Amino acid sequence: MPKIKTHRATAKRFTVTGSGEFKRNKAYKSHILEKKTRKRKRNLRKATLASASDRSNVKKMLPYA
């Protein structure tokens, strides 16, 4: 069996937790921040888990995760 290449863009965006789930950062925190509330910007800082529907696609792109 040949080796499977890791999708590098996915590898930079996701990390694997101890339980095998994928951790990701939230979007919408890069610009146009004046109109966003303080609370919203604070919550965008926190990492979250990838949704269950995306998990199988991420797993294919990160075969050795």
N, C-alpha and C. Protein backbone atom coordinates (compact mmCIF):
# COMPACT_ATOMS: atom_id res chain seq x y z
N MET A 1 0.84 -1.20 0.00
CA MET A 1 0.00 0.00 0.00
C MET A 1 0.88 1.26 0.00
N PRO A 2 0.60 2.19 -0.89
CA PRO A 2 1.37 3.44 -0.87
C PRO A 2 0.92 4.33 0.28
N LYS A 3 1.77 5.25 0.62
CA LYS A 3 1.41 6.23 1.65
C LYS A 3 0.34 7.16 1.12
N ILE A 4 -0.49 7.69 2.03
CA ILE A 4 -1.52 8.65 1.66
C ILE A 4 -1.02 10.04 2.04
N LYS A 5 -1.17 10.99 1.12
CA LYS A 5 -0.73 12.35 1.43
C LYS A 5 -1.72 13.06 2.33
N THR A 6 -1.19 13.82 3.28
CA THR A 6 -2.00 14.66 4.16
C THR A 6 -2.35 15.94 3.43
N HIS A 7 -3.59 16.37 3.54
CA HIS A 7 -4.02 17.65 2.96
C HIS A 7 -3.49 18.76 3.86
N ARG A 8 -2.48 19.50 3.39
CA ARG A 8 -1.74 20.42 4.25
C ARG A 8 -2.61 21.57 4.76
N ALA A 9 -3.54 22.08 3.96
CA ALA A 9 -4.39 23.17 4.42
C ALA A 9 -5.26 22.72 5.59
N THR A 10 -5.74 21.48 5.53
CA THR A 10 -6.55 20.93 6.62
C THR A 10 -5.69 20.72 7.87
N ALA A 11 -4.48 20.26 7.69
CA ALA A 11 -3.58 20.00 8.81
C ALA A 11 -3.27 21.28 9.58
N LYS A 12 -3.23 22.42 8.88
CA LYS A 12 -2.95 23.69 9.53
C LYS A 12 -4.16 24.22 10.31
N ARG A 13 -5.36 23.77 9.95
CA ARG A 13 -6.59 24.31 10.54
C ARG A 13 -7.18 23.46 11.66
N PHE A 14 -6.85 22.17 11.70
CA PHE A 14 -7.46 21.27 12.68
C PHE A 14 -6.38 20.58 13.51
N THR A 15 -6.69 20.36 14.79
CA THR A 15 -5.85 19.52 15.65
C THR A 15 -6.73 18.45 16.25
N VAL A 16 -6.15 17.31 16.54
CA VAL A 16 -6.92 16.18 17.07
C VAL A 16 -6.88 16.22 18.59
N THR A 17 -8.05 16.03 19.22
CA THR A 17 -8.12 15.98 20.68
C THR A 17 -7.82 14.56 21.14
N GLY A 18 -7.74 14.38 22.43
CA GLY A 18 -7.45 13.06 22.98
C GLY A 18 -8.52 12.04 22.67
N SER A 19 -9.77 12.49 22.55
CA SER A 19 -10.87 11.57 22.26
C SER A 19 -11.07 11.36 20.76
N GLY A 20 -10.20 11.97 19.93
CA GLY A 20 -10.28 11.75 18.49
C GLY A 20 -11.13 12.74 17.73
N GLU A 21 -11.65 13.75 18.41
CA GLU A 21 -12.42 14.78 17.72
C GLU A 21 -11.47 15.82 17.15
N PHE A 22 -11.99 16.68 16.28
CA PHE A 22 -11.15 17.69 15.64
C PHE A 22 -11.48 19.06 16.19
N LYS A 23 -10.44 19.75 16.68
CA LYS A 23 -10.60 21.09 17.23
C LYS A 23 -10.28 22.11 16.14
N ARG A 24 -11.06 23.19 16.09
CA ARG A 24 -10.86 24.22 15.07
C ARG A 24 -11.08 25.59 15.68
N ASN A 25 -10.57 26.62 15.01
CA ASN A 25 -10.84 28.00 15.41
C ASN A 25 -12.07 28.51 14.69
N LYS A 26 -12.70 29.51 15.26
CA LYS A 26 -13.91 30.08 14.67
C LYS A 26 -13.57 31.12 13.62
N ALA A 27 -14.49 31.31 12.69
CA ALA A 27 -14.31 32.28 11.61
C ALA A 27 -14.86 33.65 12.04
N TYR A 28 -14.74 34.64 11.17
CA TYR A 28 -15.31 36.00 11.34
C TYR A 28 -14.62 36.81 12.43
N LYS A 29 -13.31 36.62 12.62
CA LYS A 29 -12.60 37.38 13.65
C LYS A 29 -11.44 38.17 13.04
N SER A 30 -11.41 38.31 11.70
CA SER A 30 -10.23 38.93 11.09
C SER A 30 -10.37 40.41 10.80
N HIS A 31 -11.56 40.89 10.42
CA HIS A 31 -11.71 42.31 10.10
C HIS A 31 -13.18 42.71 10.29
N ILE A 32 -13.46 43.99 10.12
CA ILE A 32 -14.78 44.60 10.36
C ILE A 32 -15.23 44.26 11.79
N LEU A 33 -14.38 44.60 12.76
CA LEU A 33 -14.65 44.23 14.15
C LEU A 33 -15.40 45.31 14.91
N GLU A 34 -15.47 46.53 14.38
CA GLU A 34 -16.12 47.61 15.12
C GLU A 34 -17.60 47.36 15.35
N LYS A 35 -18.27 46.79 14.37
CA LYS A 35 -19.72 46.58 14.49
C LYS A 35 -20.08 45.32 15.27
N LYS A 36 -19.11 44.47 15.55
CA LYS A 36 -19.36 43.26 16.32
C LYS A 36 -19.27 43.58 17.81
N THR A 37 -20.15 42.98 18.59
CA THR A 37 -20.18 43.28 20.02
C THR A 37 -18.96 42.68 20.72
N ARG A 38 -18.68 43.22 21.87
CA ARG A 38 -17.56 42.75 22.69
C ARG A 38 -17.74 41.27 23.02
N LYS A 39 -18.96 40.91 23.37
CA LYS A 39 -19.27 39.53 23.74
C LYS A 39 -19.04 38.57 22.56
N ARG A 40 -19.46 38.99 21.38
CA ARG A 40 -19.31 38.17 20.19
C ARG A 40 -17.84 37.96 19.85
N LYS A 41 -17.04 39.04 19.93
CA LYS A 41 -15.62 38.93 19.63
C LYS A 41 -14.91 38.05 20.65
N ARG A 42 -15.31 38.13 21.90
CA ARG A 42 -14.72 37.32 22.96
C ARG A 42 -15.02 35.84 22.71
N ASN A 43 -16.24 35.52 22.29
CA ASN A 43 -16.60 34.13 22.02
C ASN A 43 -15.93 33.59 20.76
N LEU A 44 -15.60 34.47 19.81
CA LEU A 44 -14.91 34.03 18.61
C LEU A 44 -13.46 33.63 18.88
N ARG A 45 -12.91 34.08 20.00
CA ARG A 45 -11.54 33.71 20.36
C ARG A 45 -11.42 32.23 20.72
N LYS A 46 -12.48 31.68 21.28
CA LYS A 46 -12.44 30.31 21.79
C LYS A 46 -12.47 29.30 20.65
N ALA A 47 -11.75 28.23 20.83
CA ALA A 47 -11.78 27.14 19.85
C ALA A 47 -13.04 26.31 20.07
N THR A 48 -13.43 25.56 19.06
CA THR A 48 -14.60 24.69 19.15
C THR A 48 -14.30 23.40 18.40
N LEU A 49 -15.23 22.46 18.46
CA LEU A 49 -15.04 21.19 17.78
C LEU A 49 -15.72 21.21 16.41
N ALA A 50 -15.14 20.50 15.47
CA ALA A 50 -15.76 20.38 14.15
C ALA A 50 -17.06 19.60 14.29
N SER A 51 -18.05 19.95 13.48
CA SER A 51 -19.35 19.30 13.58
C SER A 51 -19.25 17.84 13.16
N ALA A 52 -20.21 17.06 13.60
CA ALA A 52 -20.22 15.62 13.31
C ALA A 52 -20.32 15.36 11.81
N SER A 53 -21.04 16.22 11.08
CA SER A 53 -21.19 16.02 9.65
C SER A 53 -19.89 16.28 8.89
N ASP A 54 -19.01 17.11 9.43
CA ASP A 54 -17.73 17.40 8.79
C ASP A 54 -16.63 16.41 9.19
N ARG A 55 -16.85 15.68 10.26
CA ARG A 55 -15.79 14.84 10.82
C ARG A 55 -15.26 13.80 9.84
N SER A 56 -16.15 13.18 9.06
CA SER A 56 -15.69 12.15 8.13
C SER A 56 -14.84 12.74 7.02
N ASN A 57 -15.20 13.95 6.54
CA ASN A 57 -14.40 14.59 5.49
C ASN A 57 -13.03 14.99 6.00
N VAL A 58 -12.96 15.51 7.23
CA VAL A 58 -11.68 15.91 7.80
C VAL A 58 -10.81 14.68 8.02
N LYS A 59 -11.42 13.59 8.45
CA LYS A 59 -10.67 12.35 8.69
C LYS A 59 -10.02 11.83 7.40
N LYS A 60 -10.71 11.98 6.27
CA LYS A 60 -10.15 11.56 4.98
C LYS A 60 -8.94 12.41 4.60
N MET A 61 -9.01 13.71 4.92
CA MET A 61 -7.92 14.61 4.55
C MET A 61 -6.74 14.51 5.50
N LEU A 62 -6.97 13.99 6.72
CA LEU A 62 -5.90 13.80 7.70
C LEU A 62 -5.81 12.31 8.03
N PRO A 63 -5.26 11.50 7.15
CA PRO A 63 -5.29 10.05 7.35
C PRO A 63 -4.46 9.57 8.55
N TYR A 64 -3.47 10.34 8.99
CA TYR A 64 -2.61 9.91 10.08
C TYR A 64 -2.91 10.64 11.38
N ALA A 65 -4.04 11.33 11.45
CA ALA A 65 -4.40 12.07 12.67
C ALA A 65 -5.02 11.14 13.69
